[in-house]
Amino acid sequence: VLCDQANDLLARLNLQHGVIAETVRARRASALNALGRAAEALADINQAQAMWQRLAPAGYLHRIELLDLLASIHTSLGNDQAARDTARNAIALVKDRRWIEPALLARIEALAEPTR
């Protein structure tokens, strides 16, 4: 509900396409996924990714975070191959492992592993 209110406020202020709006959209996706509403979360994370690509095309660190969330949503939806592919895309963006949160890196590496 709070994310919906934030989106409404950003629209009224004509700020619905900025960094704050992208953050709200990504946080809403995370909350929806945690609530078991992965299909709705998927739409939000896709919008957040598109916004971030427009705002900061070179911002690969945050893009890795968004891809981590997208992989998690795909897992919740039972789309294991899409989750694996998304995790591999995230790993491909890693330029220096020291800049990536260790827990995030471990998650995407585990998801990227082929199933046996």
N, C-alpha and C. Protein backbone atom coordinates (compact mmCIF):
# COMPACT_ATOMS: atom_id res chain seq x y z
N VAL A 1 0.83 -1.19 0.00
CA VAL A 1 0.00 0.00 0.00
C VAL A 1 0.88 1.26 0.00
N LEU A 2 1.94 1.24 0.81
CA LEU A 2 2.81 2.42 0.87
C LEU A 2 3.49 2.69 -0.47
N CYS A 3 3.90 1.63 -1.16
CA CYS A 3 4.54 1.81 -2.46
C CYS A 3 3.54 2.37 -3.47
N ASP A 4 2.29 1.92 -3.38
CA ASP A 4 1.25 2.45 -4.27
C ASP A 4 1.03 3.94 -4.00
N GLN A 5 1.01 4.30 -2.72
CA GLN A 5 0.85 5.72 -2.37
C GLN A 5 2.05 6.54 -2.84
N ALA A 6 3.24 5.97 -2.71
CA ALA A 6 4.44 6.67 -3.18
C ALA A 6 4.38 6.87 -4.69
N ASN A 7 3.94 5.84 -5.42
CA ASN A 7 3.81 5.97 -6.87
C ASN A 7 2.81 7.05 -7.24
N ASP A 8 1.68 7.10 -6.53
CA ASP A 8 0.67 8.13 -6.78
C ASP A 8 1.25 9.52 -6.55
N LEU A 9 1.99 9.68 -5.44
CA LEU A 9 2.59 10.97 -5.13
C LEU A 9 3.62 11.37 -6.18
N LEU A 10 4.45 10.43 -6.59
CA LEU A 10 5.45 10.72 -7.62
C LEU A 10 4.79 11.14 -8.93
N ALA A 11 3.67 10.51 -9.27
CA ALA A 11 2.95 10.89 -10.48
C ALA A 11 2.39 12.30 -10.36
N ARG A 12 1.84 12.62 -9.19
CA ARG A 12 1.31 13.99 -9.00
C ARG A 12 2.41 15.04 -9.08
N LEU A 13 3.62 14.67 -8.65
CA LEU A 13 4.76 15.60 -8.70
C LEU A 13 5.51 15.53 -10.03
N ASN A 14 5.01 14.71 -10.94
CA ASN A 14 5.64 14.50 -12.25
C ASN A 14 7.08 13.96 -12.11
N LEU A 15 7.24 13.06 -11.15
CA LEU A 15 8.55 12.44 -10.90
C LEU A 15 8.50 10.93 -11.09
N GLN A 16 7.52 10.45 -11.85
CA GLN A 16 7.30 9.02 -11.99
C GLN A 16 8.32 8.32 -12.87
N HIS A 17 9.27 9.04 -13.43
CA HIS A 17 10.27 8.42 -14.29
C HIS A 17 11.69 8.57 -13.76
N GLY A 18 11.84 9.00 -12.52
CA GLY A 18 13.17 9.25 -11.97
C GLY A 18 13.70 8.12 -11.10
N VAL A 19 14.82 8.40 -10.46
CA VAL A 19 15.51 7.41 -9.64
C VAL A 19 14.65 6.97 -8.47
N ILE A 20 13.95 7.89 -7.85
CA ILE A 20 13.10 7.52 -6.71
C ILE A 20 11.99 6.60 -7.18
N ALA A 21 11.39 6.88 -8.30
CA ALA A 21 10.32 6.03 -8.84
C ALA A 21 10.85 4.63 -9.15
N GLU A 22 12.05 4.54 -9.67
CA GLU A 22 12.66 3.24 -9.96
C GLU A 22 12.85 2.46 -8.66
N THR A 23 13.33 3.13 -7.63
CA THR A 23 13.55 2.48 -6.34
C THR A 23 12.23 1.99 -5.75
N VAL A 24 11.20 2.82 -5.81
CA VAL A 24 9.89 2.43 -5.29
C VAL A 24 9.37 1.22 -6.06
N ARG A 25 9.51 1.22 -7.36
CA ARG A 25 9.03 0.11 -8.19
C ARG A 25 9.79 -1.18 -7.83
N ALA A 26 11.09 -1.09 -7.65
CA ALA A 26 11.89 -2.28 -7.31
C ALA A 26 11.53 -2.78 -5.91
N ARG A 27 11.34 -1.88 -4.96
CA ARG A 27 10.96 -2.29 -3.60
C ARG A 27 9.57 -2.92 -3.58
N ARG A 28 8.67 -2.38 -4.39
CA ARG A 28 7.33 -2.96 -4.49
C ARG A 28 7.42 -4.38 -5.06
N ALA A 29 8.26 -4.58 -6.05
CA ALA A 29 8.45 -5.92 -6.62
C ALA A 29 8.96 -6.88 -5.56
N SER A 30 9.90 -6.44 -4.76
CA SER A 30 10.45 -7.28 -3.70
C SER A 30 9.37 -7.64 -2.68
N ALA A 31 8.58 -6.66 -2.28
CA ALA A 31 7.51 -6.90 -1.31
C ALA A 31 6.46 -7.85 -1.87
N LEU A 32 6.06 -7.64 -3.12
CA LEU A 32 5.06 -8.51 -3.73
C LEU A 32 5.58 -9.94 -3.84
N ASN A 33 6.84 -10.11 -4.20
CA ASN A 33 7.41 -11.44 -4.29
C ASN A 33 7.42 -12.11 -2.92
N ALA A 34 7.77 -11.37 -1.89
CA ALA A 34 7.78 -11.92 -0.53
C ALA A 34 6.38 -12.32 -0.08
N LEU A 35 5.38 -11.64 -0.59
CA LEU A 35 3.99 -11.95 -0.25
C LEU A 35 3.40 -13.08 -1.10
N GLY A 36 4.22 -13.63 -2.00
CA GLY A 36 3.75 -14.71 -2.85
C GLY A 36 2.99 -14.24 -4.08
N ARG A 37 3.14 -12.97 -4.41
CA ARG A 37 2.45 -12.40 -5.58
C ARG A 37 3.47 -12.14 -6.69
N ALA A 38 4.13 -13.23 -7.10
CA ALA A 38 5.26 -13.15 -8.02
C ALA A 38 4.87 -12.61 -9.40
N ALA A 39 3.69 -12.93 -9.88
CA ALA A 39 3.27 -12.44 -11.21
C ALA A 39 3.21 -10.91 -11.22
N GLU A 40 2.68 -10.32 -10.16
CA GLU A 40 2.65 -8.86 -10.06
C GLU A 40 4.07 -8.31 -9.88
N ALA A 41 4.87 -9.02 -9.11
CA ALA A 41 6.25 -8.59 -8.88
C ALA A 41 7.04 -8.56 -10.18
N LEU A 42 6.77 -9.53 -11.05
CA LEU A 42 7.48 -9.60 -12.33
C LEU A 42 7.24 -8.34 -13.16
N ALA A 43 6.01 -7.88 -13.20
CA ALA A 43 5.70 -6.66 -13.96
C ALA A 43 6.46 -5.46 -13.38
N ASP A 44 6.49 -5.36 -12.05
CA ASP A 44 7.17 -4.23 -11.42
C ASP A 44 8.68 -4.26 -11.63
N ILE A 45 9.29 -5.45 -11.50
CA ILE A 45 10.75 -5.50 -11.66
C ILE A 45 11.14 -5.22 -13.10
N ASN A 46 10.31 -5.66 -14.04
CA ASN A 46 10.60 -5.35 -15.45
C ASN A 46 10.53 -3.85 -15.70
N GLN A 47 9.56 -3.18 -15.08
CA GLN A 47 9.46 -1.72 -15.21
C GLN A 47 10.66 -1.04 -14.55
N ALA A 48 11.05 -1.52 -13.38
CA ALA A 48 12.19 -0.93 -12.68
C ALA A 48 13.47 -1.08 -13.52
N GLN A 49 13.66 -2.23 -14.12
CA GLN A 49 14.84 -2.45 -14.96
C GLN A 49 14.86 -1.51 -16.16
N ALA A 50 13.71 -1.35 -16.79
CA ALA A 50 13.62 -0.46 -17.95
C ALA A 50 13.92 0.98 -17.53
N MET A 51 13.40 1.37 -16.37
CA MET A 51 13.65 2.73 -15.88
C MET A 51 15.14 2.92 -15.62
N TRP A 52 15.77 1.94 -14.95
CA TRP A 52 17.18 2.06 -14.62
C TRP A 52 18.03 2.11 -15.88
N GLN A 53 17.67 1.34 -16.88
CA GLN A 53 18.41 1.35 -18.14
C GLN A 53 18.39 2.74 -18.77
N ARG A 54 17.25 3.43 -18.67
CA ARG A 54 17.15 4.80 -19.21
C ARG A 54 17.91 5.79 -18.34
N LEU A 55 17.85 5.61 -17.02
CA LEU A 55 18.44 6.57 -16.10
C LEU A 55 19.96 6.45 -16.02
N ALA A 56 20.46 5.23 -16.00
CA ALA A 56 21.89 5.02 -15.80
C ALA A 56 22.34 3.77 -16.53
N PRO A 57 22.45 3.85 -17.84
CA PRO A 57 22.81 2.65 -18.61
C PRO A 57 24.14 2.03 -18.20
N ALA A 58 25.04 2.82 -17.62
CA ALA A 58 26.33 2.29 -17.20
C ALA A 58 26.31 1.83 -15.74
N GLY A 59 25.19 1.96 -15.06
CA GLY A 59 25.09 1.61 -13.64
C GLY A 59 24.93 0.12 -13.42
N TYR A 60 26.02 -0.61 -13.60
CA TYR A 60 25.94 -2.07 -13.58
C TYR A 60 25.75 -2.65 -12.18
N LEU A 61 26.21 -1.99 -11.12
CA LEU A 61 26.06 -2.55 -9.78
C LEU A 61 24.59 -2.68 -9.39
N HIS A 62 23.82 -1.63 -9.61
CA HIS A 62 22.40 -1.69 -9.29
C HIS A 62 21.68 -2.64 -10.24
N ARG A 63 22.12 -2.69 -11.47
CA ARG A 63 21.51 -3.62 -12.43
C ARG A 63 21.67 -5.05 -11.95
N ILE A 64 22.81 -5.39 -11.35
CA ILE A 64 23.02 -6.72 -10.80
C ILE A 64 22.01 -6.99 -9.68
N GLU A 65 21.77 -6.00 -8.84
CA GLU A 65 20.76 -6.14 -7.78
C GLU A 65 19.37 -6.39 -8.37
N LEU A 66 19.03 -5.64 -9.41
CA LEU A 66 17.73 -5.83 -10.05
C LEU A 66 17.62 -7.21 -10.68
N LEU A 67 18.68 -7.67 -11.31
CA LEU A 67 18.66 -9.01 -11.91
C LEU A 67 18.56 -10.09 -10.84
N ASP A 68 19.17 -9.88 -9.69
CA ASP A 68 19.04 -10.81 -8.57
C ASP A 68 17.58 -10.93 -8.15
N LEU A 69 16.90 -9.80 -8.04
CA LEU A 69 15.48 -9.82 -7.69
C LEU A 69 14.66 -10.49 -8.79
N LEU A 70 14.96 -10.20 -10.04
CA LEU A 70 14.25 -10.82 -11.15
C LEU A 70 14.43 -12.34 -11.12
N ALA A 71 15.64 -12.80 -10.85
CA ALA A 71 15.89 -14.25 -10.77
C ALA A 71 15.07 -14.86 -9.64
N SER A 72 14.98 -14.17 -8.52
CA SER A 72 14.18 -14.65 -7.39
C SER A 72 12.70 -14.75 -7.77
N ILE A 73 12.21 -13.77 -8.50
CA ILE A 73 10.81 -13.78 -8.93
C ILE A 73 10.58 -14.94 -9.89
N HIS A 74 11.49 -15.15 -10.82
CA HIS A 74 11.36 -16.28 -11.74
C HIS A 74 11.33 -17.61 -10.97
N THR A 75 12.16 -17.72 -9.93
CA THR A 75 12.15 -18.92 -9.10
C THR A 75 10.79 -19.10 -8.43
N SER A 76 10.24 -18.01 -7.90
CA SER A 76 8.92 -18.08 -7.26
C SER A 76 7.84 -18.51 -8.23
N LEU A 77 8.00 -18.12 -9.49
CA LEU A 77 7.02 -18.50 -10.52
C LEU A 77 7.25 -19.90 -11.07
N GLY A 78 8.34 -20.55 -10.63
CA GLY A 78 8.66 -21.88 -11.12
C GLY A 78 9.37 -21.88 -12.46
N ASN A 79 9.86 -20.73 -12.87
CA ASN A 79 10.59 -20.58 -14.15
C ASN A 79 12.09 -20.75 -13.90
N ASP A 80 12.48 -22.00 -13.62
CA ASP A 80 13.87 -22.25 -13.23
C ASP A 80 14.88 -21.87 -14.31
N GLN A 81 14.57 -22.14 -15.58
CA GLN A 81 15.51 -21.80 -16.65
C GLN A 81 15.66 -20.29 -16.77
N ALA A 82 14.55 -19.55 -16.65
CA ALA A 82 14.61 -18.09 -16.72
C ALA A 82 15.41 -17.55 -15.53
N ALA A 83 15.23 -18.15 -14.35
CA ALA A 83 16.00 -17.73 -13.17
C ALA A 83 17.48 -17.96 -13.40
N ARG A 84 17.83 -19.13 -13.94
CA ARG A 84 19.23 -19.46 -14.20
C ARG A 84 19.83 -18.50 -15.24
N ASP A 85 19.09 -18.25 -16.32
CA ASP A 85 19.58 -17.33 -17.35
C ASP A 85 19.76 -15.91 -16.79
N THR A 86 18.83 -15.48 -15.97
CA THR A 86 18.91 -14.14 -15.37
C THR A 86 20.12 -14.05 -14.45
N ALA A 87 20.33 -15.09 -13.65
CA ALA A 87 21.50 -15.11 -12.75
C ALA A 87 22.79 -15.08 -13.56
N ARG A 88 22.84 -15.80 -14.65
CA ARG A 88 24.03 -15.79 -15.51
C ARG A 88 24.26 -14.40 -16.11
N ASN A 89 23.18 -13.73 -16.48
CA ASN A 89 23.31 -12.35 -16.99
C ASN A 89 23.87 -11.43 -15.91
N ALA A 90 23.43 -11.63 -14.68
CA ALA A 90 23.95 -10.82 -13.57
C ALA A 90 25.43 -11.07 -13.37
N ILE A 91 25.83 -12.33 -13.38
CA ILE A 91 27.25 -12.67 -13.20
C ILE A 91 28.10 -12.07 -14.31
N ALA A 92 27.57 -12.05 -15.51
CA ALA A 92 28.32 -11.49 -16.64
C ALA A 92 28.61 -10.00 -16.44
N LEU A 93 27.80 -9.32 -15.64
CA LEU A 93 28.02 -7.90 -15.39
C LEU A 93 29.06 -7.63 -14.31
N VAL A 94 29.41 -8.65 -13.53
CA VAL A 94 30.35 -8.47 -12.42
C VAL A 94 31.74 -8.17 -12.98
N LYS A 95 32.21 -6.98 -12.66
CA LYS A 95 33.54 -6.57 -13.11
C LYS A 95 34.58 -6.78 -12.01
N ASP A 96 34.17 -6.59 -10.78
CA ASP A 96 35.08 -6.74 -9.64
C ASP A 96 34.27 -7.29 -8.48
N ARG A 97 34.54 -8.51 -8.10
CA ARG A 97 33.76 -9.19 -7.06
C ARG A 97 33.79 -8.44 -5.73
N ARG A 98 34.80 -7.64 -5.50
CA ARG A 98 34.90 -6.90 -4.23
C ARG A 98 33.79 -5.88 -4.07
N TRP A 99 33.18 -5.44 -5.16
CA TRP A 99 32.13 -4.42 -5.11
C TRP A 99 30.74 -5.02 -4.93
N ILE A 100 30.64 -6.33 -4.97
CA ILE A 100 29.35 -7.01 -4.90
C ILE A 100 29.16 -7.58 -3.50
N GLU A 101 27.97 -7.36 -2.93
CA GLU A 101 27.65 -7.92 -1.62
C GLU A 101 27.82 -9.43 -1.67
N PRO A 102 28.58 -10.01 -0.73
CA PRO A 102 28.85 -11.45 -0.78
C PRO A 102 27.59 -12.33 -0.82
N ALA A 103 26.56 -11.97 -0.07
CA ALA A 103 25.33 -12.78 -0.07
C ALA A 103 24.65 -12.74 -1.43
N LEU A 104 24.64 -11.57 -2.06
CA LEU A 104 24.05 -11.43 -3.39
C LEU A 104 24.85 -12.26 -4.39
N LEU A 105 26.15 -12.16 -4.33
CA LEU A 105 27.00 -12.92 -5.24
C LEU A 105 26.79 -14.42 -5.07
N ALA A 106 26.70 -14.87 -3.83
CA ALA A 106 26.47 -16.30 -3.57
C ALA A 106 25.12 -16.74 -4.14
N ARG A 107 24.09 -15.89 -4.00
CA ARG A 107 22.76 -16.24 -4.52
C ARG A 107 22.78 -16.40 -6.03
N ILE A 108 23.35 -15.42 -6.72
CA ILE A 108 23.31 -15.49 -8.19
C ILE A 108 24.21 -16.61 -8.71
N GLU A 109 25.31 -16.87 -8.02
CA GLU A 109 26.18 -17.97 -8.45
C GLU A 109 25.48 -19.32 -8.25
N ALA A 110 24.76 -19.46 -7.15
CA ALA A 110 24.04 -20.72 -6.90
C ALA A 110 22.92 -20.91 -7.94
N LEU A 111 22.22 -19.83 -8.24
CA LEU A 111 21.13 -19.93 -9.24
C LEU A 111 21.67 -20.22 -10.63
N ALA A 112 22.85 -19.71 -10.93
CA ALA A 112 23.41 -19.86 -12.28
C ALA A 112 23.91 -21.26 -12.56
N GLU A 113 24.10 -22.05 -11.51
CA GLU A 113 24.62 -23.41 -11.67
C GLU A 113 23.63 -24.26 -12.46
N PRO A 114 24.14 -25.07 -13.37
CA PRO A 114 23.23 -25.97 -14.10
C PRO A 114 22.65 -27.02 -13.15
N THR A 115 21.44 -27.41 -13.41
CA THR A 115 20.82 -28.44 -12.60
C THR A 115 21.41 -29.79 -12.96
N ARG A 116 21.47 -30.64 -12.00
CA ARG A 116 22.08 -31.96 -12.25
C ARG A 116 21.04 -33.03 -12.18
